[in-house]
């Protein structure tokens, strides 16, 4: 077995991996999730702002608990 055989096996493995990923991405079981994920950029800004506000308040709570009177 020389280097060209190893390169050939590597190419076959890469092609097989690529085809498996394509089959996974286009499977009908994933269709609903990918359609929902594809609509994320078009979501209403009000929904995103509410989610961001909730995450910001949780960060503020963590920061106030971590200060321990250092000011």
N, C-alpha and C. Protein backbone atom coordinates (compact mmCIF):
# COMPACT_ATOMS: atom_id res chain seq x y z
N UNK A 1 0.85 -1.17 0.00
CA UNK A 1 0.00 0.00 0.00
C UNK A 1 0.90 1.24 0.00
N UNK A 2 0.75 2.04 -1.01
CA UNK A 2 1.54 3.26 -1.08
C UNK A 2 0.67 4.49 -0.79
N UNK A 3 1.25 5.65 -0.91
CA UNK A 3 0.58 6.89 -0.55
C UNK A 3 -0.64 7.16 -1.41
N UNK A 4 -0.63 6.73 -2.65
CA UNK A 4 -1.77 6.97 -3.54
C UNK A 4 -2.99 6.17 -3.10
N UNK A 5 -2.78 4.98 -2.55
CA UNK A 5 -3.90 4.20 -2.02
C UNK A 5 -4.52 4.89 -0.82
N UNK A 6 -3.68 5.45 0.03
CA UNK A 6 -4.17 6.17 1.21
C UNK A 6 -4.93 7.42 0.78
N UNK A 7 -4.43 8.11 -0.21
CA UNK A 7 -5.13 9.30 -0.72
C UNK A 7 -6.48 8.92 -1.33
N UNK A 8 -6.51 7.81 -2.03
CA UNK A 8 -7.77 7.34 -2.61
C UNK A 8 -8.79 6.99 -1.53
N UNK A 9 -8.34 6.32 -0.48
CA UNK A 9 -9.24 6.00 0.64
C UNK A 9 -9.73 7.26 1.34
N UNK A 10 -8.86 8.25 1.46
CA UNK A 10 -9.25 9.53 2.05
C UNK A 10 -10.31 10.23 1.22
N UNK A 11 -10.16 10.16 -0.08
CA UNK A 11 -11.14 10.77 -0.98
C UNK A 11 -12.48 10.07 -0.88
N UNK A 12 -12.46 8.75 -0.83
CA UNK A 12 -13.71 7.98 -0.71
C UNK A 12 -14.38 8.29 0.63
N UNK A 13 -13.60 8.39 1.70
CA UNK A 13 -14.16 8.72 3.01
C UNK A 13 -14.77 10.12 3.01
N UNK A 14 -14.08 11.08 2.40
CA UNK A 14 -14.60 12.45 2.33
C UNK A 14 -15.90 12.51 1.53
N UNK A 15 -15.96 11.80 0.42
CA UNK A 15 -17.18 11.77 -0.39
C UNK A 15 -18.33 11.13 0.39
N UNK A 16 -18.04 10.04 1.08
CA UNK A 16 -19.07 9.37 1.88
C UNK A 16 -19.58 10.29 2.99
N UNK A 17 -18.67 10.99 3.66
CA UNK A 17 -19.07 11.93 4.72
C UNK A 17 -19.94 13.05 4.16
N UNK A 18 -19.55 13.60 3.02
CA UNK A 18 -20.32 14.67 2.39
C UNK A 18 -21.73 14.19 2.04
N UNK A 19 -21.84 13.01 1.47
CA UNK A 19 -23.15 12.48 1.09
C UNK A 19 -24.02 12.21 2.32
N UNK A 20 -23.42 11.78 3.41
CA UNK A 20 -24.18 11.57 4.65
C UNK A 20 -24.71 12.89 5.20
N UNK A 21 -23.91 13.93 5.15
CA UNK A 21 -24.35 15.25 5.63
C UNK A 21 -25.47 15.79 4.74
N UNK A 22 -25.35 15.63 3.45
CA UNK A 22 -26.40 16.07 2.53
C UNK A 22 -27.70 15.31 2.79
N UNK A 23 -27.60 13.99 2.98
CA UNK A 23 -28.80 13.19 3.27
C UNK A 23 -29.43 13.62 4.58
N UNK A 24 -28.62 13.93 5.59
CA UNK A 24 -29.15 14.39 6.88
C UNK A 24 -29.85 15.74 6.71
N UNK A 25 -29.23 16.65 5.97
CA UNK A 25 -29.79 18.00 5.82
C UNK A 25 -31.09 18.00 5.04
N UNK A 26 -31.22 17.12 4.07
CA UNK A 26 -32.41 17.11 3.23
C UNK A 26 -33.43 16.05 3.64
N UNK A 27 -33.24 15.42 4.79
CA UNK A 27 -34.21 14.40 5.22
C UNK A 27 -35.53 15.07 5.61
N UNK A 28 -36.61 14.38 5.42
CA UNK A 28 -37.94 14.96 5.70
C UNK A 28 -38.16 15.16 7.19
N UNK A 29 -37.46 14.45 8.04
CA UNK A 29 -37.63 14.63 9.49
C UNK A 29 -37.10 15.99 9.95
N UNK A 30 -36.16 16.57 9.23
CA UNK A 30 -35.55 17.85 9.61
C UNK A 30 -36.23 19.05 8.95
N UNK A 31 -37.16 18.82 8.06
CA UNK A 31 -37.74 19.90 7.26
C UNK A 31 -38.39 20.97 8.13
N UNK A 32 -39.21 20.58 9.09
CA UNK A 32 -39.90 21.57 9.93
C UNK A 32 -38.92 22.43 10.72
N UNK A 33 -37.90 21.80 11.28
CA UNK A 33 -36.93 22.57 12.06
C UNK A 33 -36.19 23.56 11.19
N UNK A 34 -35.74 23.13 10.02
CA UNK A 34 -34.99 24.02 9.15
C UNK A 34 -35.86 25.14 8.60
N UNK A 35 -37.14 24.88 8.37
CA UNK A 35 -38.04 25.95 7.93
C UNK A 35 -38.23 26.97 9.04
N UNK A 36 -38.38 26.51 10.28
CA UNK A 36 -38.49 27.44 11.41
C UNK A 36 -37.21 28.25 11.60
N UNK A 37 -36.07 27.59 11.49
CA UNK A 37 -34.80 28.29 11.64
C UNK A 37 -34.58 29.30 10.51
N UNK A 38 -35.08 28.99 9.33
CA UNK A 38 -34.95 29.89 8.20
C UNK A 38 -35.77 31.16 8.35
N UNK A 39 -36.78 31.12 9.20
CA UNK A 39 -37.63 32.30 9.41
C UNK A 39 -37.13 33.21 10.53
N UNK A 40 -36.07 32.84 11.22
CA UNK A 40 -35.55 33.63 12.34
C UNK A 40 -35.22 35.08 11.92
N UNK A 41 -34.58 35.32 10.78
CA UNK A 41 -34.28 36.72 10.42
C UNK A 41 -35.53 37.57 10.18
N UNK A 42 -36.65 36.94 9.90
CA UNK A 42 -37.87 37.68 9.60
C UNK A 42 -38.80 37.79 10.79
N UNK A 43 -38.36 37.33 11.95
CA UNK A 43 -39.21 37.41 13.14
C UNK A 43 -39.46 38.87 13.50
N UNK A 44 -40.53 39.10 14.20
CA UNK A 44 -40.88 40.44 14.62
C UNK A 44 -39.86 40.96 15.62
N UNK A 45 -39.45 42.22 15.49
CA UNK A 45 -38.46 42.78 16.39
C UNK A 45 -38.97 42.87 17.82
N UNK A 46 -40.28 43.00 18.01
CA UNK A 46 -40.83 43.07 19.35
C UNK A 46 -40.57 41.77 20.12
N UNK A 47 -40.68 40.65 19.44
CA UNK A 47 -40.41 39.37 20.10
C UNK A 47 -38.93 39.29 20.47
N UNK A 48 -38.06 39.72 19.58
CA UNK A 48 -36.63 39.68 19.85
C UNK A 48 -36.26 40.64 20.98
N UNK A 49 -36.88 41.81 21.02
CA UNK A 49 -36.58 42.78 22.06
C UNK A 49 -37.02 42.26 23.43
N UNK A 50 -38.17 41.59 23.48
CA UNK A 50 -38.63 41.04 24.75
C UNK A 50 -37.69 39.95 25.24
N UNK A 51 -37.23 39.10 24.34
CA UNK A 51 -36.29 38.04 24.72
C UNK A 51 -34.97 38.65 25.18
N UNK A 52 -34.52 39.70 24.50
CA UNK A 52 -33.26 40.34 24.87
C UNK A 52 -33.38 41.02 26.23
N UNK A 53 -34.52 41.65 26.48
CA UNK A 53 -34.72 42.33 27.75
C UNK A 53 -34.68 41.32 28.90
N UNK A 54 -35.29 40.16 28.70
CA UNK A 54 -35.27 39.12 29.74
C UNK A 54 -33.86 38.64 29.99
N UNK A 55 -33.08 38.45 28.94
CA UNK A 55 -31.71 37.97 29.13
C UNK A 55 -30.85 39.06 29.76
N UNK A 56 -31.09 40.34 29.43
CA UNK A 56 -30.32 41.43 30.03
C UNK A 56 -30.60 41.54 31.51
N UNK A 57 -31.85 41.36 31.92
CA UNK A 57 -32.17 41.46 33.33
C UNK A 57 -31.54 40.33 34.12
N UNK A 58 -31.44 39.14 33.53
CA UNK A 58 -30.79 38.04 34.24
C UNK A 58 -29.29 38.29 34.37
N UNK A 59 -28.69 38.96 33.37
CA UNK A 59 -27.27 39.29 33.45
C UNK A 59 -27.06 40.34 34.53
N UNK A 60 -27.94 41.33 34.62
CA UNK A 60 -27.82 42.35 35.65
C UNK A 60 -27.93 41.74 37.04
N UNK A 61 -28.82 40.78 37.20
CA UNK A 61 -28.95 40.13 38.50
C UNK A 61 -27.67 39.39 38.85
N UNK A 62 -27.07 38.74 37.91
CA UNK A 62 -25.82 38.04 38.18
C UNK A 62 -24.74 39.04 38.56
N UNK A 63 -24.68 40.17 37.87
CA UNK A 63 -23.65 41.15 38.15
C UNK A 63 -23.82 41.76 39.54
N UNK A 64 -25.05 42.03 39.95
CA UNK A 64 -25.26 42.62 41.27
C UNK A 64 -24.91 41.64 42.36
N UNK A 65 -25.09 40.37 42.14
CA UNK A 65 -24.75 39.38 43.14
C UNK A 65 -23.25 39.13 43.20
N UNK A 66 -22.55 39.39 42.12
CA UNK A 66 -21.12 39.14 42.08
C UNK A 66 -20.29 40.29 42.63
N UNK A 67 -20.88 41.48 42.82
CA UNK A 67 -20.11 42.64 43.27
C UNK A 67 -19.58 42.45 44.69
N UNK A 68 -20.40 42.05 45.60
CA UNK A 68 -20.05 41.82 47.02
C UNK A 68 -19.42 43.06 47.64
N UNK A 69 -19.97 44.23 47.33
CA UNK A 69 -19.53 45.45 48.00
C UNK A 69 -18.16 45.95 47.58
N UNK A 70 -17.75 45.74 46.37
CA UNK A 70 -16.44 46.18 45.94
C UNK A 70 -16.40 47.66 45.59
N UNK A 71 -17.57 48.30 45.54
CA UNK A 71 -17.59 49.71 45.15
C UNK A 71 -17.38 50.61 46.30
